[in-house]
C-alpha atoms as a PDB file:
ATOM      1  CA  UNK A   1     -26.634  69.838 -79.936  1.00  0.00           C
ATOM      2  CA  UNK A   2     -25.289  72.405 -77.562  1.00  0.00           C
ATOM      3  CA  UNK A   3     -26.956  72.378 -74.171  1.00  0.00           C
ATOM      4  CA  UNK A   4     -27.863  76.060 -74.481  1.00  0.00           C
ATOM      5  CA  UNK A   5     -29.807  75.511 -77.721  1.00  0.00           C
ATOM      6  CA  UNK A   6     -33.562  75.918 -77.135  1.00  0.00           C
ATOM      7  CA  UNK A   7     -35.556  72.699 -77.061  1.00  0.00           C
ATOM      8  CA  UNK A   8     -37.654  72.714 -80.206  1.00  0.00           C
ATOM      9  CA  UNK A   9     -40.166  70.758 -82.267  1.00  0.00           C
ATOM     10  CA  UNK A  10     -40.833  70.963 -85.976  1.00  0.00           C
ATOM     11  CA  UNK A  11     -43.799  72.980 -87.133  1.00  0.00           C
ATOM     12  CA  UNK A  12     -45.359  69.784 -88.493  1.00  0.00           C
ATOM     13  CA  UNK A  13     -45.993  68.670 -84.902  1.00  0.00           C
ATOM     14  CA  UNK A  14     -47.782  71.899 -84.002  1.00  0.00           C
ATOM     15  CA  UNK A  15     -49.695  71.982 -87.296  1.00  0.00           C
ATOM     16  CA  UNK A  16     -51.002  68.485 -86.664  1.00  0.00           C
ATOM     17  CA  UNK A  17     -52.294  69.459 -83.228  1.00  0.00           C
ATOM     18  CA  UNK A  18     -53.877  72.606 -84.664  1.00  0.00           C
ATOM     19  CA  UNK A  19     -55.720  70.481 -87.234  1.00  0.00           C
ATOM     20  CA  UNK A  20     -56.868  68.062 -84.533  1.00  0.00           C
ATOM     21  CA  UNK A  21     -58.248  70.903 -82.420  1.00  0.00           C
ATOM     22  CA  UNK A  22     -60.018  72.413 -85.430  1.00  0.00           C
ATOM     23  CA  UNK A  23     -61.801  69.116 -86.026  1.00  0.00           C
ATOM     24  CA  UNK A  24     -62.812  68.845 -82.374  1.00  0.00           C
ATOM     25  CA  UNK A  25     -63.677  72.476 -81.557  1.00  0.00           C
ATOM     26  CA  UNK A  26     -64.058  74.255 -84.883  1.00  0.00           C
ATOM     27  CA  UNK A  27     -62.146  77.406 -85.926  1.00  0.00           C
ATOM     28  CA  UNK A  28     -63.672  79.630 -83.242  1.00  0.00           C
ATOM     29  CA  UNK A  29     -63.034  77.111 -80.487  1.00  0.00           C
ATOM     30  CA  UNK A  30     -59.453  76.691 -81.646  1.00  0.00           C
ATOM     31  CA  UNK A  31     -58.860  80.464 -81.628  1.00  0.00           C
ATOM     32  CA  UNK A  32     -60.361  80.742 -78.146  1.00  0.00           C
ATOM     33  CA  UNK A  33     -58.136  77.962 -76.853  1.00  0.00           C
ATOM     34  CA  UNK A  34     -55.004  79.546 -78.352  1.00  0.00           C
ATOM     35  CA  UNK A  35     -55.872  82.907 -76.794  1.00  0.00           C
ATOM     36  CA  UNK A  36     -56.001  81.215 -73.380  1.00  0.00           C
ATOM     37  CA  UNK A  37     -52.242  80.530 -73.566  1.00  0.00           C
ATOM     38  CA  UNK A  38     -49.766  82.876 -71.906  1.00  0.00           C
ATOM     39  CA  UNK A  39     -48.209  85.780 -73.824  1.00  0.00           C
ATOM     40  CA  UNK A  40     -45.026  83.985 -74.788  1.00  0.00           C
ATOM     41  CA  UNK A  41     -46.940  81.078 -76.285  1.00  0.00           C
ATOM     42  CA  UNK A  42     -49.592  83.244 -77.941  1.00  0.00           C
ATOM     43  CA  UNK A  43     -46.792  85.049 -79.771  1.00  0.00           C
ATOM     44  CA  UNK A  44     -46.085  81.824 -81.669  1.00  0.00           C
ATOM     45  CA  UNK A  45     -49.635  81.679 -83.039  1.00  0.00           C
ATOM     46  CA  UNK A  46     -50.658  85.338 -83.452  1.00  0.00           C
ATOM     47  CA  UNK A  47     -49.104  88.430 -85.021  1.00  0.00           C
ATOM     48  CA  UNK A  48     -49.091  90.024 -81.557  1.00  0.00           C
ATOM     49  CA  UNK A  49     -50.341  89.057 -78.105  1.00  0.00           C
ATOM     50  CA  UNK A  50     -53.303  91.392 -78.542  1.00  0.00           C
ATOM     51  CA  UNK A  51     -54.055  90.381 -82.128  1.00  0.00           C
ATOM     52  CA  UNK A  52     -56.497  87.831 -83.522  1.00  0.00           C
ATOM     53  CA  UNK A  53     -54.550  87.688 -86.772  1.00  0.00           C
ATOM     54  CA  UNK A  54     -52.943  84.221 -86.939  1.00  0.00           C
ATOM     55  CA  UNK A  55     -49.361  83.614 -87.930  1.00  0.00           C
ATOM     56  CA  UNK A  56     -48.486  81.011 -90.517  1.00  0.00           C
ATOM     57  CA  UNK A  57     -46.872  77.995 -88.877  1.00  0.00           C
ATOM     58  CA  UNK A  58     -44.238  76.537 -91.184  1.00  0.00           C
ATOM     59  CA  UNK A  59     -44.083  72.781 -91.632  1.00  0.00           C
ATOM     60  CA  UNK A  60     -40.282  72.762 -91.629  1.00  0.00           C
ATOM     61  CA  UNK A  61     -39.349  75.455 -89.082  1.00  0.00           C
ATOM     62  CA  UNK A  62     -38.488  74.849 -85.442  1.00  0.00           C
ATOM     63  CA  UNK A  63     -40.723  76.115 -82.626  1.00  0.00           C
ATOM     64  CA  UNK A  64     -40.362  76.065 -78.817  1.00  0.00           C
ATOM     65  CA  UNK A  65     -41.105  72.690 -77.257  1.00  0.00           C
ATOM     66  CA  UNK A  66     -42.472  74.639 -74.286  1.00  0.00           C
ATOM     67  CA  UNK A  67     -45.170  76.177 -76.502  1.00  0.00           C
ATOM     68  CA  UNK A  68     -46.102  72.825 -78.006  1.00  0.00           C
ATOM     69  CA  UNK A  69     -46.480  71.252 -74.561  1.00  0.00           C
ATOM     70  CA  UNK A  70     -48.473  74.150 -73.126  1.00  0.00           C
ATOM     71  CA  UNK A  71     -50.752  74.001 -76.165  1.00  0.00           C
ATOM     72  CA  UNK A  72     -51.106  70.236 -75.777  1.00  0.00           C
ATOM     73  CA  UNK A  73     -51.990  70.546 -72.088  1.00  0.00           C
ATOM     74  CA  UNK A  74     -54.607  73.175 -72.957  1.00  0.00           C
ATOM     75  CA  UNK A  75     -56.084  70.749 -75.507  1.00  0.00           C
ATOM     76  CA  UNK A  76     -56.241  68.001 -72.879  1.00  0.00           C
ATOM     77  CA  UNK A  77     -58.063  70.326 -70.487  1.00  0.00           C
ATOM     78  CA  UNK A  78     -60.536  71.557 -73.083  1.00  0.00           C
ATOM     79  CA  UNK A  79     -61.130  68.590 -75.374  1.00  0.00           C
ATOM     80  CA  UNK A  80     -60.299  65.764 -72.967  1.00  0.00           C
ATOM     81  CA  UNK A  81     -61.807  67.349 -69.845  1.00  0.00           C
ATOM     82  CA  UNK A  82     -58.402  66.992 -68.195  1.00  0.00           C
ATOM     83  CA  UNK A  83     -57.965  63.288 -69.007  1.00  0.00           C
ATOM     84  CA  UNK A  84     -54.402  62.643 -70.171  1.00  0.00           C
ATOM     85  CA  UNK A  85     -55.635  59.560 -72.015  1.00  0.00           C
ATOM     86  CA  UNK A  86     -56.766  61.922 -74.774  1.00  0.00           C
ATOM     87  CA  UNK A  87     -53.125  61.635 -75.894  1.00  0.00           C
ATOM     88  CA  UNK A  88     -53.894  58.146 -77.202  1.00  0.00           C
ATOM     89  CA  UNK A  89     -56.648  59.524 -79.419  1.00  0.00           C
ATOM     90  CA  UNK A  90     -54.299  62.278 -80.640  1.00  0.00           C
ATOM     91  CA  UNK A  91     -51.591  59.714 -81.396  1.00  0.00           C
ATOM     92  CA  UNK A  92     -53.963  57.463 -83.353  1.00  0.00           C
ATOM     93  CA  UNK A  93     -55.397  60.428 -85.256  1.00  0.00           C
ATOM     94  CA  UNK A  94     -51.898  61.679 -86.101  1.00  0.00           C
ATOM     95  CA  UNK A  95     -50.765  58.289 -87.387  1.00  0.00           C
ATOM     96  CA  UNK A  96     -53.822  58.006 -89.641  1.00  0.00           C
ATOM     97  CA  UNK A  97     -52.990  61.413 -91.070  1.00  0.00           C
ATOM     98  CA  UNK A  98     -49.202  61.058 -91.291  1.00  0.00           C
ATOM     99  CA  UNK A  99     -49.268  57.614 -92.914  1.00  0.00           C
ATOM    100  CA  UNK A 100     -52.002  58.271 -95.438  1.00  0.00           C
ATOM    101  CA  UNK A 101     -50.615  56.531 -98.560  1.00  0.00           C
ATOM    102  CA  UNK A 102     -51.598  59.399-100.834  1.00  0.00           C
ATOM    103  CA  UNK A 103     -50.872  62.588 -98.913  1.00  0.00           C
ATOM    104  CA  UNK A 104     -49.386  61.690 -95.531  1.00  0.00           C
ATOM    105  CA  UNK A 105     -46.190  63.302 -94.298  1.00  0.00           C
ATOM    106  CA  UNK A 106     -44.686  59.810 -93.908  1.00  0.00           C
ATOM    107  CA  UNK A 107     -46.495  58.055 -96.775  1.00  0.00           C
ATOM    108  CA  UNK A 108     -43.127  56.543 -97.765  1.00  0.00           C
ATOM    109  CA  UNK A 109     -43.338  54.192 -94.784  1.00  0.00           C
ATOM    110  CA  UNK A 110     -46.748  52.978 -95.951  1.00  0.00           C
ATOM    111  CA  UNK A 111     -45.162  51.485 -99.076  1.00  0.00           C
ATOM    112  CA  UNK A 112     -44.926  47.735 -99.672  1.00  0.00           C
ATOM    113  CA  UNK A 113     -41.197  47.796 -98.866  1.00  0.00           C
ATOM    114  CA  UNK A 114     -41.976  47.929 -95.143  1.00  0.00           C
ATOM    115  CA  UNK A 115     -44.752  45.358 -94.985  1.00  0.00           C
ATOM    116  CA  UNK A 116     -44.103  42.118 -93.171  1.00  0.00           C
ATOM    117  CA  UNK A 117     -41.015  43.116 -91.184  1.00  0.00           C
ATOM    118  CA  UNK A 118     -41.833  45.250 -88.167  1.00  0.00           C
ATOM    119  CA  UNK A 119     -38.238  45.110 -86.957  1.00  0.00           C
ATOM    120  CA  UNK A 120     -37.158  46.802 -90.190  1.00  0.00           C
ATOM    121  CA  UNK A 121     -39.785  49.496 -89.694  1.00  0.00           C
ATOM    122  CA  UNK A 122     -38.601  50.268 -86.179  1.00  0.00           C
ATOM    123  CA  UNK A 123     -34.892  50.253 -87.009  1.00  0.00           C
ATOM    124  CA  UNK A 124     -35.226  52.485 -90.047  1.00  0.00           C
ATOM    125  CA  UNK A 125     -38.174  54.771 -89.360  1.00  0.00           C
ATOM    126  CA  UNK A 126     -38.432  55.564 -85.646  1.00  0.00           C
ATOM    127  CA  UNK A 127     -34.955  57.146 -85.184  1.00  0.00           C
ATOM    128  CA  UNK A 128     -35.325  59.109 -88.435  1.00  0.00           C
ATOM    129  CA  UNK A 129     -38.770  60.471 -87.558  1.00  0.00           C
ATOM    130  CA  UNK A 130     -37.602  61.401 -84.063  1.00  0.00           C
ATOM    131  CA  UNK A 131     -34.679  63.415 -85.431  1.00  0.00           C
ATOM    132  CA  UNK A 132     -36.965  65.190 -87.862  1.00  0.00           C
ATOM    133  CA  UNK A 133     -39.448  66.237 -85.180  1.00  0.00           C
ATOM    134  CA  UNK A 134     -37.277  66.968 -82.106  1.00  0.00           C
ATOM    135  CA  UNK A 135     -33.905  68.683 -81.812  1.00  0.00           C
ATOM    136  CA  UNK A 136     -33.050  66.874 -78.602  1.00  0.00           C
ATOM    137  CA  UNK A 137     -32.896  63.307 -77.376  1.00  0.00           C
ATOM    138  CA  UNK A 138     -32.102  60.054 -79.107  1.00  0.00           C
ATOM    139  CA  UNK A 139     -33.835  56.743 -79.707  1.00  0.00           C
ATOM    140  CA  UNK A 140     -32.266  53.416 -78.798  1.00  0.00           C
ATOM    141  CA  UNK A 141     -33.952  50.309 -80.213  1.00  0.00           C
ATOM    142  CA  UNK A 142     -33.396  46.734 -79.163  1.00  0.00           C
ATOM    143  CA  UNK A 143     -35.118  43.571 -80.306  1.00  0.00           C
ATOM    144  CA  UNK A 144     -36.159  41.603 -77.240  1.00  0.00           C
ATOM    145  CA  UNK A 145     -37.571  38.581 -79.038  1.00  0.00           C
ATOM    146  CA  UNK A 146     -36.961  38.224 -82.768  1.00  0.00           C
ATOM    147  CA  UNK A 147     -40.072  38.914 -84.786  1.00  0.00           C
ATOM    148  CA  UNK A 148     -42.269  39.321 -81.693  1.00  0.00           C
ATOM    149  CA  UNK A 149     -41.072  41.941 -79.213  1.00  0.00           C
ATOM    150  CA  UNK A 150     -38.960  45.084 -79.220  1.00  0.00           C
ATOM    151  CA  UNK A 151     -38.151  47.969 -76.909  1.00  0.00           C
ATOM    152  CA  UNK A 152     -37.135  51.476 -77.718  1.00  0.00           C
ATOM    153  CA  UNK A 153     -36.006  54.131 -75.299  1.00  0.00           C
ATOM    154  CA  UNK A 154     -35.726  57.898 -75.387  1.00  0.00           C
ATOM    155  CA  UNK A 155     -32.587  59.212 -73.734  1.00  0.00           C
ATOM    156  CA  UNK A 156     -30.972  62.649 -73.319  1.00  0.00           C
ATOM    157  CA  UNK A 157     -34.325  64.438 -73.241  1.00  0.00           C
ATOM    158  CA  UNK A 158     -35.144  64.907 -69.536  1.00  0.00           C
ATOM    159  CA  UNK A 159     -37.590  67.713 -70.382  1.00  0.00           C
ATOM    160  CA  UNK A 160     -39.858  65.379 -72.345  1.00  0.00           C
ATOM    161  CA  UNK A 161     -43.316  65.146 -70.776  1.00  0.00           C
ATOM    162  CA  UNK A 162     -45.601  62.208 -70.116  1.00  0.00           C
ATOM    163  CA  UNK A 163     -48.054  63.655 -72.631  1.00  0.00           C
ATOM    164  CA  UNK A 164     -45.427  63.504 -75.384  1.00  0.00           C
ATOM    165  CA  UNK A 165     -44.525  59.941 -74.476  1.00  0.00           C
ATOM    166  CA  UNK A 166     -48.158  58.807 -74.608  1.00  0.00           C
ATOM    167  CA  UNK A 167     -48.720  60.392 -78.014  1.00  0.00           C
ATOM    168  CA  UNK A 168     -45.549  58.794 -79.413  1.00  0.00           C
ATOM    169  CA  UNK A 169     -46.576  55.395 -78.060  1.00  0.00           C
ATOM    170  CA  UNK A 170     -50.077  55.638 -79.539  1.00  0.00           C
ATOM    171  CA  UNK A 171     -48.683  56.890 -82.864  1.00  0.00           C
ATOM    172  CA  UNK A 172     -46.319  53.913 -82.975  1.00  0.00           C
ATOM    173  CA  UNK A 173     -49.086  51.453 -82.118  1.00  0.00           C
ATOM    174  CA  UNK A 174     -51.475  52.740 -84.754  1.00  0.00           C
ATOM    175  CA  UNK A 175     -48.751  53.385 -87.322  1.00  0.00           C
ATOM    176  CA  UNK A 176     -47.404  49.850 -86.994  1.00  0.00           C
ATOM    177  CA  UNK A 177     -50.805  48.407 -87.817  1.00  0.00           C
ATOM    178  CA  UNK A 178     -51.331  50.771 -90.742  1.00  0.00           C
ATOM    179  CA  UNK A 179     -47.965  49.901 -92.265  1.00  0.00           C
ATOM    180  CA  UNK A 180     -47.785  46.164 -91.606  1.00  0.00           C
ATOM    181  CA  UNK A 181     -51.380  45.069 -91.069  1.00  0.00           C
ATOM    182  CA  UNK A 182     -50.274  43.427 -87.802  1.00  0.00           C
ATOM    183  CA  UNK A 183     -51.806  44.156 -84.416  1.00  0.00           C
ATOM    184  CA  UNK A 184     -49.161  45.749 -82.209  1.00  0.00           C
ATOM    185  CA  UNK A 185     -49.456  46.594 -78.541  1.00  0.00           C
ATOM    186  CA  UNK A 186     -47.250  49.385 -77.208  1.00  0.00           C
ATOM    187  CA  UNK A 187     -46.730  49.822 -73.488  1.00  0.00           C
ATOM    188  CA  UNK A 188     -45.468  53.235 -72.412  1.00  0.00           C
ATOM    189  CA  UNK A 189     -43.359  53.958 -69.340  1.00  0.00           C
ATOM    190  CA  UNK A 190     -42.511  57.537 -68.438  1.00  0.00           C
ATOM    191  CA  UNK A 191     -39.196  58.026 -66.589  1.00  0.00           C
ATOM    192  CA  UNK A 192     -38.910  54.307 -65.774  1.00  0.00           C
ATOM    193  CA  UNK A 193     -35.265  54.469 -64.672  1.00  0.00           C
ATOM    194  CA  UNK A 194     -32.372  56.918 -64.359  1.00  0.00           C
ATOM    195  CA  UNK A 195     -31.227  58.020 -67.786  1.00  0.00           C
ATOM    196  CA  UNK A 196     -34.344  56.721 -69.555  1.00  0.00           C
ATOM    197  CA  UNK A 197     -36.882  59.435 -70.303  1.00  0.00           C
ATOM    198  CA  UNK A 198     -39.481  57.259 -72.073  1.00  0.00           C
ATOM    199  CA  UNK A 199     -39.583  53.528 -72.693  1.00  0.00           C
ATOM    200  CA  UNK A 200     -41.830  51.812 -75.214  1.00  0.00           C
ATOM    201  CA  UNK A 201     -42.377  48.048 -75.082  1.00  0.00           C
ATOM    202  CA  UNK A 202     -43.748  46.642 -78.329  1.00  0.00           C
ATOM    203  CA  UNK A 203     -45.313  43.217 -78.804  1.00  0.00           C
ATOM    204  CA  UNK A 204     -46.903  41.776 -81.915  1.00  0.00           C
END
């Protein structure tokens, strides 16, 4: 990707957060929260900055990462009372929704083909899902201890925020259990070393 290309997320990411907020605050609370965003971000959600008429967010289109993060931070302030640990709840909720065997966005990974081999899940699914949701950064995966521990790192995405990292870690933790039936613990480190933007340490 060219450096000048805007940093973007797929609409599916924003739609998921919109659904989460609707469940927590209701339609009116969600609209009020969106109207609290600045003009540039409100323009993503409404027909105009002065309008209450919502825009349709497309599942497959790209939207500014900046808007997603500002929306997420507003959700943390409102729903989580400023506690960043709300990101874990959002990550778990998203995994339950995304990996629903019948209607989840990633129901394919809930199939029997991925049960019993967590290493296979991480090698095949995590890099693919990342590329589908973000237009920047890359995932590097390494098995630390065969069948027991793994690490994956996000590189080339210095703009990624701690909130994003926490949601991804929680999604991975919950998603791993949903797919494999195994209990997986995911430790998250934000900016742990030069050149590493997020690091996730998995143990099962």
